[in-house]
């Protein structure tokens, strides 16, 4: 499966072993920049800010985003965030960390929306 913007969430879920909520929150923060749970929920059409907060905190623990303040979150650069999570996933699964073209392509694909949002 070639990775593109229409299926990047599924690629992130399968390659990085994160939840659908986590993938959606990561992508929306990459595309829009710094956000709080209310903005995340609104952008994703969720009625529950706690759902966004839970996913964001999990992404912080996974090394993909950082908490700027207690209520605002920002993505690391996509290449770094994706590689960071992939390295941790390899450690969790007890497999050697090595080059993975699909993982690299996810980071490359998200680089332009990341830069555009922070332009």
PDB file of N, CA and C in Angstrom:
ATOM      1  N   UNK A   1       0.841  -1.180   0.000  1.00  0.00           N
ATOM      2  CA  UNK A   1       0.000   0.000   0.000  1.00  0.00           C
ATOM      3  C   UNK A   1       0.889   1.247   0.000  1.00  0.00           C
ATOM      4  N   UNK A   2       0.666   2.106  -1.001  1.00  0.00           N
ATOM      5  CA  UNK A   2       1.385   3.377  -1.054  1.00  0.00           C
ATOM      6  C   UNK A   2       0.755   4.328  -0.036  1.00  0.00           C
ATOM      7  N   UNK A   3       1.590   5.072   0.646  1.00  0.00           N
ATOM      8  CA  UNK A   3       1.091   5.993   1.663  1.00  0.00           C
ATOM      9  C   UNK A   3       0.819   7.349   1.014  1.00  0.00           C
ATOM     10  N   UNK A   4      -0.403   7.882   1.229  1.00  0.00           N
ATOM     11  CA  UNK A   4      -0.757   9.216   0.748  1.00  0.00           C
ATOM     12  C   UNK A   4      -1.627   9.884   1.808  1.00  0.00           C
ATOM     13  N   UNK A   5      -1.996  11.136   1.585  1.00  0.00           N
ATOM     14  CA  UNK A   5      -2.742  11.869   2.608  1.00  0.00           C
ATOM     15  C   UNK A   5      -4.109  11.258   2.905  1.00  0.00           C
ATOM     16  N   UNK A   6      -4.669  10.504   1.956  1.00  0.00           N
ATOM     17  CA  UNK A   6      -5.993   9.912   2.207  1.00  0.00           C
ATOM     18  C   UNK A   6      -5.920   8.667   3.088  1.00  0.00           C
ATOM     19  N   UNK A   7      -4.761   8.004   3.145  1.00  0.00           N
ATOM     20  CA  UNK A   7      -4.658   6.796   3.978  1.00  0.00           C
ATOM     21  C   UNK A   7      -3.539   6.871   5.014  1.00  0.00           C
ATOM     22  N   UNK A   8      -3.006   8.066   5.242  1.00  0.00           N
ATOM     23  CA  UNK A   8      -1.874   8.190   6.163  1.00  0.00           C
ATOM     24  C   UNK A   8      -2.261   7.766   7.578  1.00  0.00           C
ATOM     25  N   UNK A   9      -3.517   8.011   7.975  1.00  0.00           N
ATOM     26  CA  UNK A   9      -3.931   7.610   9.321  1.00  0.00           C
ATOM     27  C   UNK A   9      -3.867   6.097   9.485  1.00  0.00           C
ATOM     28  N   UNK A  10      -4.304   5.350   8.470  1.00  0.00           N
ATOM     29  CA  UNK A  10      -4.251   3.891   8.557  1.00  0.00           C
ATOM     30  C   UNK A  10      -2.813   3.379   8.562  1.00  0.00           C
ATOM     31  N   UNK A  11      -1.940   4.033   7.790  1.00  0.00           N
ATOM     32  CA  UNK A  11      -0.526   3.652   7.774  1.00  0.00           C
ATOM     33  C   UNK A  11       0.107   3.898   9.138  1.00  0.00           C
ATOM     34  N   UNK A  12      -0.235   5.023   9.763  1.00  0.00           N
ATOM     35  CA  UNK A  12       0.303   5.336  11.088  1.00  0.00           C
ATOM     36  C   UNK A  12      -0.174   4.299  12.105  1.00  0.00           C
ATOM     37  N   UNK A  13      -1.444   3.959  12.059  1.00  0.00           N
ATOM     38  CA  UNK A  13      -2.005   2.974  12.995  1.00  0.00           C
ATOM     39  C   UNK A  13      -1.303   1.630  12.833  1.00  0.00           C
ATOM     40  N   UNK A  14      -1.140   1.166  11.600  1.00  0.00           N
ATOM     41  CA  UNK A  14      -0.561  -0.165  11.391  1.00  0.00           C
ATOM     42  C   UNK A  14       0.948  -0.199  11.636  1.00  0.00           C
ATOM     43  N   UNK A  15       1.665   0.817  11.195  1.00  0.00           N
ATOM     44  CA  UNK A  15       3.120   0.805  11.327  1.00  0.00           C
ATOM     45  C   UNK A  15       3.603   1.176  12.729  1.00  0.00           C
ATOM     46  N   UNK A  16       2.878   2.069  13.392  1.00  0.00           N
ATOM     47  CA  UNK A  16       3.343   2.569  14.686  1.00  0.00           C
ATOM     48  C   UNK A  16       2.591   1.977  15.869  1.00  0.00           C
ATOM     49  N   UNK A  17       1.551   1.208  15.574  1.00  0.00           N
ATOM     50  CA  UNK A  17       0.737   0.565  16.612  1.00  0.00           C
ATOM     51  C   UNK A  17       0.207   1.573  17.622  1.00  0.00           C
ATOM     52  N   UNK A  18      -0.509   2.567  17.086  1.00  0.00           N
ATOM     53  CA  UNK A  18      -1.201   3.514  17.945  1.00  0.00           C
ATOM     54  C   UNK A  18      -2.688   3.428  17.601  1.00  0.00           C
ATOM     55  N   UNK A  19      -3.528   3.993  18.448  1.00  0.00           N
ATOM     56  CA  UNK A  19      -4.975   3.905  18.250  1.00  0.00           C
ATOM     57  C   UNK A  19      -5.439   4.863  17.149  1.00  0.00           C
ATOM     58  N   UNK A  20      -6.642   4.637  16.679  1.00  0.00           N
ATOM     59  CA  UNK A  20      -7.251   5.513  15.686  1.00  0.00           C
ATOM     60  C   UNK A  20      -7.356   6.942  16.222  1.00  0.00           C
ATOM     61  N   UNK A  21      -7.792   7.089  17.471  1.00  0.00           N
ATOM     62  CA  UNK A  21      -7.889   8.426  18.080  1.00  0.00           C
ATOM     63  C   UNK A  21      -6.524   9.112  18.105  1.00  0.00           C
ATOM     64  N   UNK A  22      -5.490   8.369  18.503  1.00  0.00           N
ATOM     65  CA  UNK A  22      -4.145   8.947  18.562  1.00  0.00           C
ATOM     66  C   UNK A  22      -3.686   9.387  17.170  1.00  0.00           C
ATOM     67  N   UNK A  23      -3.946   8.558  16.160  1.00  0.00           N
ATOM     68  CA  UNK A  23      -3.544   8.902  14.793  1.00  0.00           C
ATOM     69  C   UNK A  23      -4.258  10.164  14.324  1.00  0.00           C
ATOM     70  N   UNK A  24      -5.560  10.258  14.584  1.00  0.00           N
ATOM     71  CA  UNK A  24      -6.322  11.439  14.164  1.00  0.00           C
ATOM     72  C   UNK A  24      -5.826  12.709  14.860  1.00  0.00           C
ATOM     73  N   UNK A  25      -5.559  12.605  16.154  1.00  0.00           N
ATOM     74  CA  UNK A  25      -5.075  13.767  16.907  1.00  0.00           C
ATOM     75  C   UNK A  25      -3.691  14.177  16.411  1.00  0.00           C
ATOM     76  N   UNK A  26      -2.812  13.217  16.193  1.00  0.00           N
ATOM     77  CA  UNK A  26      -1.467  13.531  15.692  1.00  0.00           C
ATOM     78  C   UNK A  26      -1.558  14.259  14.357  1.00  0.00           C
ATOM     79  N   UNK A  27      -2.336  13.732  13.439  1.00  0.00           N
ATOM     80  CA  UNK A  27      -2.435  14.316  12.099  1.00  0.00           C
ATOM     81  C   UNK A  27      -3.031  15.723  12.143  1.00  0.00           C
ATOM     82  N   UNK A  28      -4.057  15.933  12.951  1.00  0.00           N
ATOM     83  CA  UNK A  28      -4.681  17.262  13.004  1.00  0.00           C
ATOM     84  C   UNK A  28      -3.725  18.297  13.604  1.00  0.00           C
ATOM     85  N   UNK A  29      -2.933  17.895  14.584  1.00  0.00           N
ATOM     86  CA  UNK A  29      -1.953  18.827  15.158  1.00  0.00           C
ATOM     87  C   UNK A  29      -0.837  19.111  14.154  1.00  0.00           C
ATOM     88  N   UNK A  30      -0.405  18.080  13.419  1.00  0.00           N
ATOM     89  CA  UNK A  30       0.606  18.295  12.375  1.00  0.00           C
ATOM     90  C   UNK A  30       0.080  19.295  11.346  1.00  0.00           C
ATOM     91  N   UNK A  31      -1.174  19.108  10.929  1.00  0.00           N
ATOM     92  CA  UNK A  31      -1.738  19.934   9.854  1.00  0.00           C
ATOM     93  C   UNK A  31      -2.119  21.345  10.286  1.00  0.00           C
ATOM     94  N   UNK A  32      -2.470  21.527  11.562  1.00  0.00           N
ATOM     95  CA  UNK A  32      -2.989  22.831  11.999  1.00  0.00           C
ATOM     96  C   UNK A  32      -2.097  23.561  12.998  1.00  0.00           C
ATOM     97  N   UNK A  33      -1.115  22.860  13.575  1.00  0.00           N
ATOM     98  CA  UNK A  33      -0.244  23.507  14.550  1.00  0.00           C
ATOM     99  C   UNK A  33      -0.768  23.348  15.965  1.00  0.00           C
ATOM    100  N   UNK A  34      -0.196  24.111  16.860  1.00  0.00           N
ATOM    101  CA  UNK A  34      -0.502  24.052  18.298  1.00  0.00           C
ATOM    102  C   UNK A  34      -2.012  24.097  18.536  1.00  0.00           C
ATOM    103  N   UNK A  35      -2.498  23.164  19.375  1.00  0.00           N
ATOM    104  CA  UNK A  35      -3.928  23.089  19.652  1.00  0.00           C
ATOM    105  C   UNK A  35      -4.182  22.654  21.086  1.00  0.00           C
ATOM    106  N   UNK A  36      -5.349  23.055  21.607  1.00  0.00           N
ATOM    107  CA  UNK A  36      -5.807  22.560  22.904  1.00  0.00           C
ATOM    108  C   UNK A  36      -6.921  21.531  22.645  1.00  0.00           C
ATOM    109  N   UNK A  37      -7.342  20.782  23.677  1.00  0.00           N
ATOM    110  CA  UNK A  37      -8.355  19.739  23.467  1.00  0.00           C
ATOM    111  C   UNK A  37      -9.660  20.248  22.841  1.00  0.00           C
ATOM    112  N   UNK A  38     -10.065  21.469  23.155  1.00  0.00           N
ATOM    113  CA  UNK A  38     -11.298  22.013  22.571  1.00  0.00           C
ATOM    114  C   UNK A  38     -11.147  22.181  21.058  1.00  0.00           C
ATOM    115  N   UNK A  39     -10.010  22.715  20.630  1.00  0.00           N
ATOM    116  CA  UNK A  39      -9.771  22.895  19.191  1.00  0.00           C
ATOM    117  C   UNK A  39      -9.620  21.542  18.489  1.00  0.00           C
ATOM    118  N   UNK A  40      -8.935  20.610  19.139  1.00  0.00           N
ATOM    119  CA  UNK A  40      -8.767  19.271  18.565  1.00  0.00           C
ATOM    120  C   UNK A  40     -10.138  18.627  18.371  1.00  0.00           C
ATOM    121  N   UNK A  41     -10.950  18.656  19.417  1.00  0.00           N
ATOM    122  CA  UNK A  41     -12.293  18.059  19.357  1.00  0.00           C
ATOM    123  C   UNK A  41     -13.119  18.698  18.252  1.00  0.00           C
ATOM    124  N   UNK A  42     -13.081  20.018  18.180  1.00  0.00           N
ATOM    125  CA  UNK A  42     -13.842  20.726  17.158  1.00  0.00           C
ATOM    126  C   UNK A  42     -13.396  20.364  15.753  1.00  0.00           C
ATOM    127  N   UNK A  43     -12.084  20.301  15.551  1.00  0.00           N
ATOM    128  CA  UNK A  43     -11.542  19.989  14.225  1.00  0.00           C
ATOM    129  C   UNK A  43     -11.875  18.558  13.794  1.00  0.00           C
ATOM    130  N   UNK A  44     -11.989  17.660  14.764  1.00  0.00           N
ATOM    131  CA  UNK A  44     -12.259  16.256  14.457  1.00  0.00           C
ATOM    132  C   UNK A  44     -13.744  15.911  14.539  1.00  0.00           C
ATOM    133  N   UNK A  45     -14.563  16.880  14.955  1.00  0.00           N
ATOM    134  CA  UNK A  45     -15.995  16.627  15.062  1.00  0.00           C
ATOM    135  C   UNK A  45     -16.373  15.765  16.250  1.00  0.00           C
ATOM    136  N   UNK A  46     -15.540  15.799  17.277  1.00  0.00           N
ATOM    137  CA  UNK A  46     -15.818  15.034  18.495  1.00  0.00           C
ATOM    138  C   UNK A  46     -16.557  15.936  19.475  1.00  0.00           C
ATOM    139  N   UNK A  47     -17.490  15.365  20.217  1.00  0.00           N
ATOM    140  CA  UNK A  47     -18.217  16.151  21.217  1.00  0.00           C
ATOM    141  C   UNK A  47     -17.536  16.102  22.586  1.00  0.00           C
ATOM    142  N   UNK A  48     -16.532  15.254  22.722  1.00  0.00           N
ATOM    143  CA  UNK A  48     -15.893  15.012  24.013  1.00  0.00           C
ATOM    144  C   UNK A  48     -14.449  15.513  24.024  1.00  0.00           C
ATOM    145  N   UNK A  49     -14.210  16.623  24.730  1.00  0.00           N
ATOM    146  CA  UNK A  49     -12.849  17.152  24.834  1.00  0.00           C
ATOM    147  C   UNK A  49     -11.925  16.195  25.583  1.00  0.00           C
ATOM    148  N   UNK A  50     -12.480  15.425  26.514  1.00  0.00           N
ATOM    149  CA  UNK A  50     -11.677  14.472  27.282  1.00  0.00           C
ATOM    150  C   UNK A  50     -11.059  13.422  26.363  1.00  0.00           C
ATOM    151  N   UNK A  51     -11.789  13.032  25.340  1.00  0.00           N
ATOM    152  CA  UNK A  51     -11.281  12.067  24.356  1.00  0.00           C
ATOM    153  C   UNK A  51     -10.027  12.627  23.678  1.00  0.00           C
ATOM    154  N   UNK A  52     -10.086  13.900  23.302  1.00  0.00           N
ATOM    155  CA  UNK A  52      -8.937  14.551  22.669  1.00  0.00           C
ATOM    156  C   UNK A  52      -7.769  14.676  23.650  1.00  0.00           C
ATOM    157  N   UNK A  53      -8.078  15.032  24.875  1.00  0.00           N
ATOM    158  CA  UNK A  53      -7.041  15.175  25.891  1.00  0.00           C
ATOM    159  C   UNK A  53      -6.355  13.839  26.177  1.00  0.00           C
ATOM    160  N   UNK A  54      -7.142  12.782  26.273  1.00  0.00           N
ATOM    161  CA  UNK A  54      -6.595  11.446  26.527  1.00  0.00           C
ATOM    162  C   UNK A  54      -5.660  11.025  25.396  1.00  0.00           C
ATOM    163  N   UNK A  55      -6.098  11.221  24.160  1.00  0.00           N
ATOM    164  CA  UNK A  55      -5.262  10.844  23.006  1.00  0.00           C
ATOM    165  C   UNK A  55      -3.992  11.697  22.963  1.00  0.00           C
ATOM    166  N   UNK A  56      -4.125  12.993  23.229  1.00  0.00           N
ATOM    167  CA  UNK A  56      -2.958  13.880  23.204  1.00  0.00           C
ATOM    168  C   UNK A  56      -1.945  13.484  24.274  1.00  0.00           C
ATOM    169  N   UNK A  57      -2.418  13.213  25.467  1.00  0.00           N
ATOM    170  CA  UNK A  57      -1.490  12.802  26.544  1.00  0.00           C
ATOM    171  C   UNK A  57      -0.790  11.492  26.195  1.00  0.00           C
ATOM    172  N   UNK A  58      -1.502  10.580  25.563  1.00  0.00           N
ATOM    173  CA  UNK A  58      -0.895   9.323  25.144  1.00  0.00           C
ATOM    174  C   UNK A  58       0.197   9.575  24.098  1.00  0.00           C
ATOM    175  N   UNK A  59      -0.058  10.501  23.189  1.00  0.00           N
ATOM    176  CA  UNK A  59       0.946  10.841  22.170  1.00  0.00           C
ATOM    177  C   UNK A  59       2.175  11.496  22.789  1.00  0.00           C
ATOM    178  N   UNK A  60       1.980  12.259  23.847  1.00  0.00           N
ATOM    179  CA  UNK A  60       3.125  12.832  24.574  1.00  0.00           C
ATOM    180  C   UNK A  60       3.964  11.686  25.138  1.00  0.00           C
ATOM    181  N   UNK A  61       3.300  10.722  25.757  1.00  0.00           N
ATOM    182  CA  UNK A  61       4.003   9.574  26.346  1.00  0.00           C
ATOM    183  C   UNK A  61       4.707   8.742  25.279  1.00  0.00           C
ATOM    184  N   UNK A  62       4.177   8.744  24.076  1.00  0.00           N
ATOM    185  CA  UNK A  62       4.760   7.967  22.974  1.00  0.00           C
ATOM    186  C   UNK A  62       5.863   8.737  22.241  1.00  0.00           C
ATOM    187  N   UNK A  63       6.110   9.982  22.649  1.00  0.00           N
ATOM    188  CA  UNK A  63       7.198  10.754  22.060  1.00  0.00           C
ATOM    189  C   UNK A  63       6.882  11.376  20.709  1.00  0.00           C
ATOM    190  N   UNK A  64       5.592  11.594  20.415  1.00  0.00           N
ATOM    191  CA  UNK A  64       5.217  12.146  19.108  1.00  0.00           C
ATOM    192  C   UNK A  64       4.814  13.614  19.162  1.00  0.00           C
ATOM    193  N   UNK A  65       4.276  14.051  20.290  1.00  0.00           N
ATOM    194  CA  UNK A  65       3.931  15.457  20.471  1.00  0.00           C
ATOM    195  C   UNK A  65       4.440  15.891  21.842  1.00  0.00           C
ATOM    196  N   UNK A  66       4.422  17.198  22.060  1.00  0.00           N
ATOM    197  CA  UNK A  66       4.830  17.729  23.364  1.00  0.00           C
ATOM    198  C   UNK A  66       3.703  18.593  23.904  1.00  0.00           C
ATOM    199  N   UNK A  67       3.674  18.724  25.220  1.00  0.00           N
ATOM    200  CA  UNK A  67       2.710  19.639  25.818  1.00  0.00           C
ATOM    201  C   UNK A  67       3.421  20.961  26.062  1.00  0.00           C
ATOM    202  N   UNK A  68       2.953  21.978  25.347  1.00  0.00           N
ATOM    203  CA  UNK A  68       3.524  23.320  25.433  1.00  0.00           C
ATOM    204  C   UNK A  68       3.130  23.936  26.771  1.00  0.00           C
ATOM    205  N   UNK A  69       1.851  23.806  27.111  1.00  0.00           N
ATOM    206  CA  UNK A  69       1.324  24.219  28.409  1.00  0.00           C
ATOM    207  C   UNK A  69       0.513  23.030  28.926  1.00  0.00           C
ATOM    208  N   UNK A  70      -0.172  23.188  30.044  1.00  0.00           N
ATOM    209  CA  UNK A  70      -0.981  22.083  30.564  1.00  0.00           C
ATOM    210  C   UNK A  70      -2.124  21.723  29.622  1.00  0.00           C
ATOM    211  N   UNK A  71      -2.504  22.670  28.761  1.00  0.00           N
ATOM    212  CA  UNK A  71      -3.656  22.423  27.901  1.00  0.00           C
ATOM    213  C   UNK A  71      -3.373  22.587  26.409  1.00  0.00           C
ATOM    214  N   UNK A  72      -2.142  22.902  26.019  1.00  0.00           N
ATOM    215  CA  UNK A  72      -1.819  23.049  24.601  1.00  0.00           C
ATOM    216  C   UNK A  72      -0.767  22.036  24.178  1.00  0.00           C
ATOM    217  N   UNK A  73      -0.996  21.481  22.991  1.00  0.00           N
ATOM    218  CA  UNK A  73      -0.112  20.446  22.476  1.00  0.00           C
ATOM    219  C   UNK A  73       0.423  20.847  21.111  1.00  0.00           C
ATOM    220  N   UNK A  74       1.660  20.429  20.820  1.00  0.00           N
ATOM    221  CA  UNK A  74       2.294  20.701  19.538  1.00  0.00           C
ATOM    222  C   UNK A  74       3.031  19.450  19.094  1.00  0.00           C
ATOM    223  N   UNK A  75       3.033  19.227  17.805  1.00  0.00           N
ATOM    224  CA  UNK A  75       3.720  18.068  17.241  1.00  0.00           C
ATOM    225  C   UNK A  75       5.220  18.323  17.152  1.00  0.00           C
ATOM    226  N   UNK A  76       5.978  17.271  17.320  1.00  0.00           N
ATOM    227  CA  UNK A  76       7.379  17.324  16.936  1.00  0.00           C
ATOM    228  C   UNK A  76       7.394  17.321  15.413  1.00  0.00           C
ATOM    229  N   UNK A  77       8.515  17.634  14.806  1.00  0.00           N
ATOM    230  CA  UNK A  77       8.605  17.544  13.345  1.00  0.00           C
ATOM    231  C   UNK A  77       8.197  16.123  12.943  1.00  0.00           C
ATOM    232  N   UNK A  78       7.363  15.964  11.910  1.00  0.00           N
ATOM    233  CA  UNK A  78       6.833  14.640  11.567  1.00  0.00           C
ATOM    234  C   UNK A  78       7.893  13.556  11.362  1.00  0.00           C
ATOM    235  N   UNK A  79       8.980  13.880  10.699  1.00  0.00           N
ATOM    236  CA  UNK A  79      10.014  12.841  10.496  1.00  0.00           C
ATOM    237  C   UNK A  79      10.558  12.365  11.832  1.00  0.00           C
ATOM    238  N   UNK A  80      10.794  13.309  12.730  1.00  0.00           N
ATOM    239  CA  UNK A  80      11.311  12.953  14.046  1.00  0.00           C
ATOM    240  C   UNK A  80      10.259  12.210  14.864  1.00  0.00           C
ATOM    241  N   UNK A  81       9.024  12.725  14.865  1.00  0.00           N
ATOM    242  CA  UNK A  81       7.952  12.110  15.652  1.00  0.00           C
ATOM    243  C   UNK A  81       7.681  10.667  15.205  1.00  0.00           C
ATOM    244  N   UNK A  82       7.618  10.453  13.911  1.00  0.00           N
ATOM    245  CA  UNK A  82       7.318   9.122  13.368  1.00  0.00           C
ATOM    246  C   UNK A  82       8.472   8.165  13.665  1.00  0.00           C
ATOM    247  N   UNK A  83       9.695   8.614  13.433  1.00  0.00           N
ATOM    248  CA  UNK A  83      10.859   7.757  13.699  1.00  0.00           C
ATOM    249  C   UNK A  83      10.982   7.465  15.189  1.00  0.00           C
ATOM    250  N   UNK A  84      10.729   8.469  16.010  1.00  0.00           N
ATOM    251  CA  UNK A  84      10.785   8.311  17.458  1.00  0.00           C
ATOM    252  C   UNK A  84       9.817   7.204  17.908  1.00  0.00           C
ATOM    253  N   UNK A  85       8.579   7.284  17.438  1.00  0.00           N
ATOM    254  CA  UNK A  85       7.578   6.277  17.813  1.00  0.00           C
ATOM    255  C   UNK A  85       7.947   4.915  17.248  1.00  0.00           C
ATOM    256  N   UNK A  86       8.446   4.865  16.014  1.00  0.00           N
ATOM    257  CA  UNK A  86       8.814   3.579  15.413  1.00  0.00           C
ATOM    258  C   UNK A  86       9.938   2.914  16.211  1.00  0.00           C
ATOM    259  N   UNK A  87      10.902   3.711  16.643  1.00  0.00           N
ATOM    260  CA  UNK A  87      12.001   3.160  17.459  1.00  0.00           C
ATOM    261  C   UNK A  87      11.449   2.552  18.753  1.00  0.00           C
ATOM    262  N   UNK A  88      10.533   3.270  19.407  1.00  0.00           N
ATOM    263  CA  UNK A  88       9.925   2.760  20.645  1.00  0.00           C
ATOM    264  C   UNK A  88       9.099   1.501  20.381  1.00  0.00           C
ATOM    265  N   UNK A  89       8.387   1.496  19.258  1.00  0.00           N
ATOM    266  CA  UNK A  89       7.589   0.319  18.906  1.00  0.00           C
ATOM    267  C   UNK A  89       8.494  -0.901  18.702  1.00  0.00           C
ATOM    268  N   UNK A  90       9.622  -0.707  18.055  1.00  0.00           N
ATOM    269  CA  UNK A  90      10.578  -1.807  17.869  1.00  0.00           C
ATOM    270  C   UNK A  90      11.065  -2.331  19.220  1.00  0.00           C
ATOM    271  N   UNK A  91      11.362  -1.406  20.140  1.00  0.00           N
ATOM    272  CA  UNK A  91      11.786  -1.815  21.481  1.00  0.00           C
ATOM    273  C   UNK A  91      10.686  -2.602  22.177  1.00  0.00           C
ATOM    274  N   UNK A  92       9.440  -2.106  22.080  1.00  0.00           N
ATOM    275  CA  UNK A  92       8.302  -2.782  22.717  1.00  0.00           C
ATOM    276  C   UNK A  92       8.106  -4.196  22.167  1.00  0.00           C
ATOM    277  N   UNK A  93       8.304  -4.343  20.848  1.00  0.00           N
ATOM    278  CA  UNK A  93       8.087  -5.638  20.193  1.00  0.00           C
ATOM    279  C   UNK A  93       9.328  -6.528  20.203  1.00  0.00           C
ATOM    280  N   UNK A  94      10.452  -5.987  20.697  1.00  0.00           N
ATOM    281  CA  UNK A  94      11.682  -6.766  20.740  1.00  0.00           C
ATOM    282  C   UNK A  94      12.237  -7.081  19.362  1.00  0.00           C
ATOM    283  N   UNK A  95      12.039  -6.164  18.419  1.00  0.00           N
ATOM    284  CA  UNK A  95      12.580  -6.360  17.074  1.00  0.00           C
ATOM    285  C   UNK A  95      13.646  -5.304  16.816  1.00  0.00           C
ATOM    286  N   UNK A  96      14.614  -5.620  15.953  1.00  0.00           N
ATOM    287  CA  UNK A  96      15.680  -4.644  15.699  1.00  0.00           C
ATOM    288  C   UNK A  96      15.146  -3.406  14.989  1.00  0.00           C
ATOM    289  N   UNK A  97      15.649  -2.255  15.400  1.00  0.00           N
ATOM    290  CA  UNK A  97      15.287  -0.994  14.755  1.00  0.00           C
ATOM    291  C   UNK A  97      16.144  -0.868  13.507  1.00  0.00           C
ATOM    292  N   UNK A  98      15.485  -0.774  12.352  1.00  0.00           N
ATOM    293  CA  UNK A  98      16.201  -0.593  11.094  1.00  0.00           C
ATOM    294  C   UNK A  98      15.343   0.231  10.154  1.00  0.00           C
ATOM    295  N   UNK A  99      15.909   0.637   9.052  1.00  0.00           N
ATOM    296  CA  UNK A  99      15.206   1.477   8.083  1.00  0.00           C
ATOM    297  C   UNK A  99      13.896   0.810   7.656  1.00  0.00           C
ATOM    298  N   UNK A 100      12.839   1.608   7.644  1.00  0.00           N
ATOM    299  CA  UNK A 100      11.527   1.139   7.205  1.00  0.00           C
ATOM    300  C   UNK A 100      11.003   2.204   6.244  1.00  0.00           C
ATOM    301  N   UNK A 101      10.935   1.860   4.954  1.00  0.00           N
ATOM    302  CA  UNK A 101      10.556   2.847   3.944  1.00  0.00           C
ATOM    303  C   UNK A 101       9.150   3.394   4.150  1.00  0.00           C
ATOM    304  N   UNK A 102       8.230   2.554   4.605  1.00  0.00           N
ATOM    305  CA  UNK A 102       6.860   3.024   4.827  1.00  0.00           C
ATOM    306  C   UNK A 102       6.842   4.066   5.943  1.00  0.00           C
ATOM    307  N   UNK A 103       7.573   3.794   7.017  1.00  0.00           N
ATOM    308  CA  UNK A 103       7.668   4.746   8.129  1.00  0.00           C
ATOM    309  C   UNK A 103       8.326   6.042   7.648  1.00  0.00           C
ATOM    310  N   UNK A 104       9.397   5.928   6.880  1.00  0.00           N
ATOM    311  CA  UNK A 104      10.060   7.118   6.339  1.00  0.00           C
ATOM    312  C   UNK A 104       9.107   7.928   5.456  1.00  0.00           C
ATOM    313  N   UNK A 105       8.319   7.227   4.635  1.00  0.00           N
ATOM    314  CA  UNK A 105       7.386   7.909   3.735  1.00  0.00           C
ATOM    315  C   UNK A 105       6.283   8.647   4.487  1.00  0.00           C
ATOM    316  N   UNK A 106       5.856   8.104   5.632  1.00  0.00           N
ATOM    317  CA  UNK A 106       4.846   8.791   6.453  1.00  0.00           C
ATOM    318  C   UNK A 106       5.399  10.137   6.912  1.00  0.00           C
ATOM    319  N   UNK A 107       6.613  10.131   7.416  1.00  0.00           N
ATOM    320  CA  UNK A 107       7.243  11.365   7.875  1.00  0.00           C
ATOM    321  C   UNK A 107       7.422  12.369   6.753  1.00  0.00           C
ATOM    322  N   UNK A 108       7.855  11.911   5.599  1.00  0.00           N
ATOM    323  CA  UNK A 108       8.054  12.785   4.437  1.00  0.00           C
ATOM    324  C   UNK A 108       6.716  13.369   3.983  1.00  0.00           C
ATOM    325  N   UNK A 109       5.684  12.537   3.941  1.00  0.00           N
ATOM    326  CA  UNK A 109       4.355  12.967   3.497  1.00  0.00           C
ATOM    327  C   UNK A 109       3.784  14.069   4.387  1.00  0.00           C
ATOM    328  N   UNK A 110       4.025  13.959   5.695  1.00  0.00           N
ATOM    329  CA  UNK A 110       3.461  14.928   6.643  1.00  0.00           C
ATOM    330  C   UNK A 110       4.320  16.186   6.801  1.00  0.00           C
ATOM    331  N   UNK A 111       5.489  16.179   6.199  1.00  0.00           N
ATOM    332  CA  UNK A 111       6.404  17.309   6.337  1.00  0.00           C
ATOM    333  C   UNK A 111       5.842  18.609   5.740  1.00  0.00           C
ATOM    334  N   UNK A 112       5.263  18.534   4.552  1.00  0.00           N
ATOM    335  CA  UNK A 112       4.739  19.745   3.912  1.00  0.00           C
ATOM    336  C   UNK A 112       3.566  20.348   4.693  1.00  0.00           C
ATOM    337  N   UNK A 113       2.524  19.544   5.084  1.00  0.00           N
ATOM    338  CA  UNK A 113       1.457  20.140   5.885  1.00  0.00           C
ATOM    339  C   UNK A 113       1.974  20.729   7.204  1.00  0.00           C
ATOM    340  N   UNK A 114       2.958  20.083   7.802  1.00  0.00           N
ATOM    341  CA  UNK A 114       3.570  20.587   9.036  1.00  0.00           C
ATOM    342  C   UNK A 114       4.189  21.963   8.794  1.00  0.00           C
ATOM    343  N   UNK A 115       5.012  22.060   7.749  1.00  0.00           N
ATOM    344  CA  UNK A 115       5.674  23.331   7.430  1.00  0.00           C
ATOM    345  C   UNK A 115       4.658  24.400   7.046  1.00  0.00           C
ATOM    346  N   UNK A 116       3.633  24.033   6.286  1.00  0.00           N
ATOM    347  CA  UNK A 116       2.602  24.997   5.870  1.00  0.00           C
ATOM    348  C   UNK A 116       1.868  25.584   7.068  1.00  0.00           C
ATOM    349  N   UNK A 117       1.592  24.765   8.069  1.00  0.00           N
ATOM    350  CA  UNK A 117       0.856  25.231   9.250  1.00  0.00           C
ATOM    351  C   UNK A 117       1.697  26.157  10.125  1.00  0.00           C
ATOM    352  N   UNK A 118       2.999  26.090   9.959  1.00  0.00           N
ATOM    353  CA  UNK A 118       3.895  26.875  10.802  1.00  0.00           C
ATOM    354  C   UNK A 118       4.624  27.953  10.007  1.00  0.00           C
ATOM    355  N   UNK A 119       4.300  28.034   8.701  1.00  0.00           N
ATOM    356  CA  UNK A 119       4.885  28.892   7.706  1.00  0.00           C
ATOM    357  C   UNK A 119       5.439  30.153   8.044  1.00  0.00           C
TER     358      UNK A 119
END
